[in-house]
């Protein structure tokens, strides 16, 4: 079924912003992009999802490998003991000494799910042949491994699930532009404009669409 995702602001990247814009999605592809009234008129039978804030391309997580292999993502049942944030450095090393394969696999799955909650649709790769379990988990998640033209440098400090924490702007952080005929990988943030995506302020991701499927929706 064709779905129209509408938002007060659509930022395609590489093209002009669209106020009161919309993206029509047919299967896993973008069927139309432009002002909501025009898109809706061209697709009158489409289901409409209206979102607050701005709609943009899905984001790329450049520190995915570190987040999945050098961090532990606590199970909600461990929150009282371990908290909710990824554990890194000495805390991770302490856990890793006694971590069996099922517990590690659970951490990886939770890490991938939590990336979706931050608008991530693409992961900087590759994920090498040295870790087939990790490659399998990534493949099952549906997240796209995007091979960088040159190796992504290892970041400094604690890796963050929020791709914008690295300091890049939307053009740098998005997986690529939204284009008609391209894959429907979208992220929606409840912020008023692009400037609000940056800095230390909140930038809640209210929806992540991966290949046309709504895989994250904030409650």
C-alpha atoms as a PDB file:
ATOM      1  CA  UNK A   1       0.000   0.000   0.000  1.00  0.00           C
ATOM      2  CA  UNK A   2       1.326   3.417  -0.909  1.00  0.00           C
ATOM      3  CA  UNK A   3       1.992   5.619   2.125  1.00  0.00           C
ATOM      4  CA  UNK A   4       2.529   9.359   2.310  1.00  0.00           C
ATOM      5  CA  UNK A   5       4.784  10.597   5.101  1.00  0.00           C
ATOM      6  CA  UNK A   6       4.020  14.277   5.668  1.00  0.00           C
ATOM      7  CA  UNK A   7       5.851  16.773   7.890  1.00  0.00           C
ATOM      8  CA  UNK A   8       5.994  20.553   8.358  1.00  0.00           C
ATOM      9  CA  UNK A   9       9.493  20.481   6.839  1.00  0.00           C
ATOM     10  CA  UNK A  10      11.124  17.984   4.477  1.00  0.00           C
ATOM     11  CA  UNK A  11      14.905  18.190   4.021  1.00  0.00           C
ATOM     12  CA  UNK A  12      15.863  15.996   1.043  1.00  0.00           C
ATOM     13  CA  UNK A  13      19.606  16.897   1.214  1.00  0.00           C
ATOM     14  CA  UNK A  14      21.089  18.103  -2.066  1.00  0.00           C
ATOM     15  CA  UNK A  15      17.840  19.877  -2.963  1.00  0.00           C
ATOM     16  CA  UNK A  16      15.759  22.702  -1.562  1.00  0.00           C
ATOM     17  CA  UNK A  17      13.834  22.189   1.666  1.00  0.00           C
ATOM     18  CA  UNK A  18      10.094  21.687   1.264  1.00  0.00           C
ATOM     19  CA  UNK A  19       7.785  23.447   3.719  1.00  0.00           C
ATOM     20  CA  UNK A  20       4.639  21.401   4.440  1.00  0.00           C
ATOM     21  CA  UNK A  21       6.251  18.623   2.463  1.00  0.00           C
ATOM     22  CA  UNK A  22       5.647  14.942   1.908  1.00  0.00           C
ATOM     23  CA  UNK A  23       7.326  11.780   0.705  1.00  0.00           C
ATOM     24  CA  UNK A  24       5.201   9.105  -0.951  1.00  0.00           C
ATOM     25  CA  UNK A  25       6.507   5.580  -0.439  1.00  0.00           C
ATOM     26  CA  UNK A  26       5.535   2.616  -2.600  1.00  0.00           C
ATOM     27  CA  UNK A  27       7.032  -0.610  -1.300  1.00  0.00           C
ATOM     28  CA  UNK A  28      10.678   0.129  -0.549  1.00  0.00           C
ATOM     29  CA  UNK A  29      10.945   3.066  -2.977  1.00  0.00           C
ATOM     30  CA  UNK A  30      10.185   6.776  -2.965  1.00  0.00           C
ATOM     31  CA  UNK A  31       7.379   7.379  -5.451  1.00  0.00           C
ATOM     32  CA  UNK A  32       7.073  11.156  -5.052  1.00  0.00           C
ATOM     33  CA  UNK A  33       8.529  14.022  -3.061  1.00  0.00           C
ATOM     34  CA  UNK A  34       7.307  17.598  -2.822  1.00  0.00           C
ATOM     35  CA  UNK A  35       4.639  19.827  -1.276  1.00  0.00           C
ATOM     36  CA  UNK A  36       2.038  17.773   0.564  1.00  0.00           C
ATOM     37  CA  UNK A  37      -0.910  19.113  -1.442  1.00  0.00           C
ATOM     38  CA  UNK A  38       0.722  18.075  -4.718  1.00  0.00           C
ATOM     39  CA  UNK A  39       1.805  14.655  -3.501  1.00  0.00           C
ATOM     40  CA  UNK A  40      -1.599  13.921  -1.938  1.00  0.00           C
ATOM     41  CA  UNK A  41      -3.450  15.048  -5.079  1.00  0.00           C
ATOM     42  CA  UNK A  42      -1.330  12.713  -7.207  1.00  0.00           C
ATOM     43  CA  UNK A  43      -1.954   9.783  -4.853  1.00  0.00           C
ATOM     44  CA  UNK A  44      -5.481  10.209  -3.475  1.00  0.00           C
ATOM     45  CA  UNK A  45      -5.804   6.594  -2.280  1.00  0.00           C
ATOM     46  CA  UNK A  46      -2.587   6.618  -0.243  1.00  0.00           C
ATOM     47  CA  UNK A  47      -2.494   6.181   3.510  1.00  0.00           C
ATOM     48  CA  UNK A  48      -1.191   9.350   5.159  1.00  0.00           C
ATOM     49  CA  UNK A  49       1.097   9.462   8.177  1.00  0.00           C
ATOM     50  CA  UNK A  50       1.513  12.957   9.580  1.00  0.00           C
ATOM     51  CA  UNK A  51       4.630  13.622  11.627  1.00  0.00           C
ATOM     52  CA  UNK A  52       5.734  16.613  13.703  1.00  0.00           C
ATOM     53  CA  UNK A  53       8.979  18.439  13.019  1.00  0.00           C
ATOM     54  CA  UNK A  54      11.121  17.571  10.035  1.00  0.00           C
ATOM     55  CA  UNK A  55      11.604  14.587   7.769  1.00  0.00           C
ATOM     56  CA  UNK A  56      15.061  13.802   6.420  1.00  0.00           C
ATOM     57  CA  UNK A  57      17.065  10.946   4.965  1.00  0.00           C
ATOM     58  CA  UNK A  58      17.973   8.186   7.383  1.00  0.00           C
ATOM     59  CA  UNK A  59      21.324   8.683   9.097  1.00  0.00           C
ATOM     60  CA  UNK A  60      24.628   6.833   8.873  1.00  0.00           C
ATOM     61  CA  UNK A  61      26.318   5.652  12.066  1.00  0.00           C
ATOM     62  CA  UNK A  62      30.066   5.942  11.503  1.00  0.00           C
ATOM     63  CA  UNK A  63      30.998   4.276  14.809  1.00  0.00           C
ATOM     64  CA  UNK A  64      28.768   1.253  14.363  1.00  0.00           C
ATOM     65  CA  UNK A  65      31.503  -1.322  14.767  1.00  0.00           C
ATOM     66  CA  UNK A  66      32.674   0.182  18.056  1.00  0.00           C
ATOM     67  CA  UNK A  67      29.111   0.424  19.324  1.00  0.00           C
ATOM     68  CA  UNK A  68      28.456  -3.220  18.507  1.00  0.00           C
ATOM     69  CA  UNK A  69      31.764  -4.815  19.480  1.00  0.00           C
ATOM     70  CA  UNK A  70      33.300  -2.526  22.131  1.00  0.00           C
ATOM     71  CA  UNK A  71      30.136  -1.542  24.012  1.00  0.00           C
ATOM     72  CA  UNK A  72      27.605  -3.484  26.032  1.00  0.00           C
ATOM     73  CA  UNK A  73      23.957  -2.488  25.625  1.00  0.00           C
ATOM     74  CA  UNK A  74      22.196  -3.439  28.861  1.00  0.00           C
ATOM     75  CA  UNK A  75      19.015  -5.448  28.859  1.00  0.00           C
ATOM     76  CA  UNK A  76      16.123  -3.419  30.372  1.00  0.00           C
ATOM     77  CA  UNK A  77      16.066  -5.998  33.164  1.00  0.00           C
ATOM     78  CA  UNK A  78      19.639  -4.946  34.026  1.00  0.00           C
ATOM     79  CA  UNK A  79      18.840  -1.231  34.205  1.00  0.00           C
ATOM     80  CA  UNK A  80      18.884  -1.023  38.004  1.00  0.00           C
ATOM     81  CA  UNK A  81      22.387  -2.486  38.070  1.00  0.00           C
ATOM     82  CA  UNK A  82      23.933  -1.270  34.826  1.00  0.00           C
ATOM     83  CA  UNK A  83      21.828   1.702  33.731  1.00  0.00           C
ATOM     84  CA  UNK A  84      20.443   2.203  30.246  1.00  0.00           C
ATOM     85  CA  UNK A  85      23.377   3.724  28.349  1.00  0.00           C
ATOM     86  CA  UNK A  86      26.016   1.719  26.440  1.00  0.00           C
ATOM     87  CA  UNK A  87      28.873   0.577  28.656  1.00  0.00           C
ATOM     88  CA  UNK A  88      32.306   1.338  27.263  1.00  0.00           C
ATOM     89  CA  UNK A  89      35.949   1.137  28.285  1.00  0.00           C
ATOM     90  CA  UNK A  90      36.703  -0.421  31.644  1.00  0.00           C
ATOM     91  CA  UNK A  91      33.044  -1.179  32.344  1.00  0.00           C
ATOM     92  CA  UNK A  92      32.760  -3.081  29.076  1.00  0.00           C
ATOM     93  CA  UNK A  93      36.050  -4.919  29.607  1.00  0.00           C
ATOM     94  CA  UNK A  94      34.908  -6.037  33.062  1.00  0.00           C
ATOM     95  CA  UNK A  95      31.717  -7.516  31.603  1.00  0.00           C
ATOM     96  CA  UNK A  96      33.415  -8.936  28.519  1.00  0.00           C
ATOM     97  CA  UNK A  97      35.620 -11.286  30.523  1.00  0.00           C
ATOM     98  CA  UNK A  98      32.563 -13.293  31.583  1.00  0.00           C
ATOM     99  CA  UNK A  99      30.264 -12.635  28.612  1.00  0.00           C
ATOM    100  CA  UNK A 100      29.067 -15.730  26.783  1.00  0.00           C
ATOM    101  CA  UNK A 101      27.901 -15.805  23.153  1.00  0.00           C
ATOM    102  CA  UNK A 102      24.136 -15.477  23.875  1.00  0.00           C
ATOM    103  CA  UNK A 103      24.680 -12.424  26.105  1.00  0.00           C
ATOM    104  CA  UNK A 104      26.918 -10.798  23.519  1.00  0.00           C
ATOM    105  CA  UNK A 105      24.372 -11.518  20.785  1.00  0.00           C
ATOM    106  CA  UNK A 106      21.637  -9.918  22.895  1.00  0.00           C
ATOM    107  CA  UNK A 107      23.768  -6.805  23.352  1.00  0.00           C
ATOM    108  CA  UNK A 108      24.329  -6.551  19.588  1.00  0.00           C
ATOM    109  CA  UNK A 109      20.598  -6.903  18.865  1.00  0.00           C
ATOM    110  CA  UNK A 110      19.732  -4.226  21.392  1.00  0.00           C
ATOM    111  CA  UNK A 111      22.436  -1.936  20.002  1.00  0.00           C
ATOM    112  CA  UNK A 112      20.977  -2.254  16.507  1.00  0.00           C
ATOM    113  CA  UNK A 113      17.449  -1.601  17.778  1.00  0.00           C
ATOM    114  CA  UNK A 114      18.605   1.473  19.682  1.00  0.00           C
ATOM    115  CA  UNK A 115      20.360   2.830  16.604  1.00  0.00           C
ATOM    116  CA  UNK A 116      16.994   2.771  14.826  1.00  0.00           C
ATOM    117  CA  UNK A 117      15.574   4.910  17.625  1.00  0.00           C
ATOM    118  CA  UNK A 118      18.108   7.608  16.697  1.00  0.00           C
ATOM    119  CA  UNK A 119      17.185   7.697  13.000  1.00  0.00           C
ATOM    120  CA  UNK A 120      19.985   5.404  11.828  1.00  0.00           C
ATOM    121  CA  UNK A 121      19.344   3.414   8.663  1.00  0.00           C
ATOM    122  CA  UNK A 122      22.933   2.877   7.486  1.00  0.00           C
ATOM    123  CA  UNK A 123      26.091   1.652   9.195  1.00  0.00           C
ATOM    124  CA  UNK A 124      29.606   2.519   8.083  1.00  0.00           C
ATOM    125  CA  UNK A 125      31.333  -0.728   7.116  1.00  0.00           C
ATOM    126  CA  UNK A 126      32.637  -3.114   6.233  1.00  0.00           C
ATOM    127  CA  UNK A 127      32.052  -5.706   8.928  1.00  0.00           C
ATOM    128  CA  UNK A 128      34.853  -8.180   8.318  1.00  0.00           C
ATOM    129  CA  UNK A 129      34.827 -11.901   7.841  1.00  0.00           C
ATOM    130  CA  UNK A 130      36.420 -12.263  11.279  1.00  0.00           C
ATOM    131  CA  UNK A 131      33.017 -11.901  12.961  1.00  0.00           C
ATOM    132  CA  UNK A 132      30.296 -13.846  11.097  1.00  0.00           C
ATOM    133  CA  UNK A 133      27.889 -13.621  14.055  1.00  0.00           C
ATOM    134  CA  UNK A 134      28.047  -9.831  13.929  1.00  0.00           C
ATOM    135  CA  UNK A 135      27.533  -9.775  10.159  1.00  0.00           C
ATOM    136  CA  UNK A 136      24.511 -12.061  10.526  1.00  0.00           C
ATOM    137  CA  UNK A 137      22.950  -9.849  13.211  1.00  0.00           C
ATOM    138  CA  UNK A 138      23.441  -6.739  11.084  1.00  0.00           C
ATOM    139  CA  UNK A 139      21.958  -8.463   8.025  1.00  0.00           C
ATOM    140  CA  UNK A 140      18.896  -9.578   9.992  1.00  0.00           C
ATOM    141  CA  UNK A 141      18.317  -6.057  11.323  1.00  0.00           C
ATOM    142  CA  UNK A 142      17.769  -4.687   7.810  1.00  0.00           C
ATOM    143  CA  UNK A 143      20.192  -1.824   8.426  1.00  0.00           C
ATOM    144  CA  UNK A 144      22.316  -1.108   5.370  1.00  0.00           C
ATOM    145  CA  UNK A 145      26.083  -1.456   5.533  1.00  0.00           C
ATOM    146  CA  UNK A 146      27.530   1.472   3.609  1.00  0.00           C
ATOM    147  CA  UNK A 147      31.121   0.942   2.557  1.00  0.00           C
ATOM    148  CA  UNK A 148      33.117   4.123   2.919  1.00  0.00           C
ATOM    149  CA  UNK A 149      35.432   5.095   0.028  1.00  0.00           C
ATOM    150  CA  UNK A 150      38.234   5.185   2.598  1.00  0.00           C
ATOM    151  CA  UNK A 151      38.387   3.604   6.055  1.00  0.00           C
ATOM    152  CA  UNK A 152      36.316   5.436   8.646  1.00  0.00           C
ATOM    153  CA  UNK A 153      38.718   6.646  11.341  1.00  0.00           C
ATOM    154  CA  UNK A 154      38.097   5.390  14.829  1.00  0.00           C
ATOM    155  CA  UNK A 155      36.470   8.193  16.768  1.00  0.00           C
ATOM    156  CA  UNK A 156      37.698   9.596  20.019  1.00  0.00           C
ATOM    157  CA  UNK A 157      35.872   9.263  23.297  1.00  0.00           C
ATOM    158  CA  UNK A 158      32.792   7.244  24.066  1.00  0.00           C
ATOM    159  CA  UNK A 159      30.853   6.306  20.912  1.00  0.00           C
ATOM    160  CA  UNK A 160      27.316   7.689  20.906  1.00  0.00           C
ATOM    161  CA  UNK A 161      24.167   6.092  19.492  1.00  0.00           C
ATOM    162  CA  UNK A 162      23.191   9.519  18.159  1.00  0.00           C
ATOM    163  CA  UNK A 163      24.991  10.002  14.802  1.00  0.00           C
ATOM    164  CA  UNK A 164      24.839  13.789  15.202  1.00  0.00           C
ATOM    165  CA  UNK A 165      26.976  13.542  18.351  1.00  0.00           C
ATOM    166  CA  UNK A 166      30.030  13.275  16.093  1.00  0.00           C
ATOM    167  CA  UNK A 167      29.485  16.886  15.083  1.00  0.00           C
ATOM    168  CA  UNK A 168      28.575  16.501  11.419  1.00  0.00           C
ATOM    169  CA  UNK A 169      25.763  18.381   9.744  1.00  0.00           C
ATOM    170  CA  UNK A 170      22.836  16.672   8.009  1.00  0.00           C
ATOM    171  CA  UNK A 171      24.580  16.522   4.638  1.00  0.00           C
ATOM    172  CA  UNK A 172      27.535  14.752   6.276  1.00  0.00           C
ATOM    173  CA  UNK A 173      25.469  12.499   8.532  1.00  0.00           C
ATOM    174  CA  UNK A 174      22.657  11.432   6.191  1.00  0.00           C
ATOM    175  CA  UNK A 175      23.096   8.209   4.240  1.00  0.00           C
ATOM    176  CA  UNK A 176      22.462  10.187   1.045  1.00  0.00           C
ATOM    177  CA  UNK A 177      19.765  12.359  -0.553  1.00  0.00           C
ATOM    178  CA  UNK A 178      16.081  11.528  -0.846  1.00  0.00           C
ATOM    179  CA  UNK A 179      15.264  11.049  -4.531  1.00  0.00           C
ATOM    180  CA  UNK A 180      12.281   9.740  -6.452  1.00  0.00           C
ATOM    181  CA  UNK A 181      13.009   6.111  -7.275  1.00  0.00           C
ATOM    182  CA  UNK A 182      15.535   5.814  -4.471  1.00  0.00           C
ATOM    183  CA  UNK A 183      15.186   3.587  -1.416  1.00  0.00           C
ATOM    184  CA  UNK A 184      12.782   4.864   1.206  1.00  0.00           C
ATOM    185  CA  UNK A 185      15.107   5.232   4.199  1.00  0.00           C
ATOM    186  CA  UNK A 186      13.753   8.121   6.269  1.00  0.00           C
ATOM    187  CA  UNK A 187      14.125   9.670   9.711  1.00  0.00           C
ATOM    188  CA  UNK A 188      11.734  12.097  11.393  1.00  0.00           C
ATOM    189  CA  UNK A 189      12.791  14.405  14.217  1.00  0.00           C
ATOM    190  CA  UNK A 190      10.488  16.472  16.389  1.00  0.00           C
ATOM    191  CA  UNK A 191      12.463  19.692  15.954  1.00  0.00           C
ATOM    192  CA  UNK A 192      11.474  22.904  14.154  1.00  0.00           C
ATOM    193  CA  UNK A 193      14.371  23.239  11.714  1.00  0.00           C
ATOM    194  CA  UNK A 194      17.763  21.863  10.687  1.00  0.00           C
ATOM    195  CA  UNK A 195      19.680  24.016  13.161  1.00  0.00           C
ATOM    196  CA  UNK A 196      17.866  22.261  16.016  1.00  0.00           C
ATOM    197  CA  UNK A 197      19.449  18.948  14.964  1.00  0.00           C
ATOM    198  CA  UNK A 198      22.854  20.177  16.129  1.00  0.00           C
ATOM    199  CA  UNK A 199      24.400  21.043  19.458  1.00  0.00           C
ATOM    200  CA  UNK A 200      23.467  19.785  22.893  1.00  0.00           C
ATOM    201  CA  UNK A 201      19.709  20.279  22.725  1.00  0.00           C
ATOM    202  CA  UNK A 202      17.224  17.401  22.446  1.00  0.00           C
ATOM    203  CA  UNK A 203      16.504  16.047  18.968  1.00  0.00           C
ATOM    204  CA  UNK A 204      13.957  13.290  19.538  1.00  0.00           C
ATOM    205  CA  UNK A 205      13.587  10.867  16.654  1.00  0.00           C
ATOM    206  CA  UNK A 206       9.887  10.101  16.360  1.00  0.00           C
ATOM    207  CA  UNK A 207      10.077   7.706  13.402  1.00  0.00           C
ATOM    208  CA  UNK A 208      12.559   5.686  11.377  1.00  0.00           C
ATOM    209  CA  UNK A 209      11.531   4.156   8.054  1.00  0.00           C
ATOM    210  CA  UNK A 210      13.807   1.485   6.613  1.00  0.00           C
ATOM    211  CA  UNK A 211      13.162   0.360   3.034  1.00  0.00           C
ATOM    212  CA  UNK A 212       9.600   1.633   3.361  1.00  0.00           C
ATOM    213  CA  UNK A 213       8.937  -0.137   6.674  1.00  0.00           C
ATOM    214  CA  UNK A 214       8.188   1.847   9.808  1.00  0.00           C
ATOM    215  CA  UNK A 215      10.620   0.167  12.205  1.00  0.00           C
ATOM    216  CA  UNK A 216      10.663   2.809  14.930  1.00  0.00           C
ATOM    217  CA  UNK A 217       7.853   5.004  16.127  1.00  0.00           C
ATOM    218  CA  UNK A 218       8.109   6.976  19.356  1.00  0.00           C
ATOM    219  CA  UNK A 219       5.239   6.298  21.731  1.00  0.00           C
END
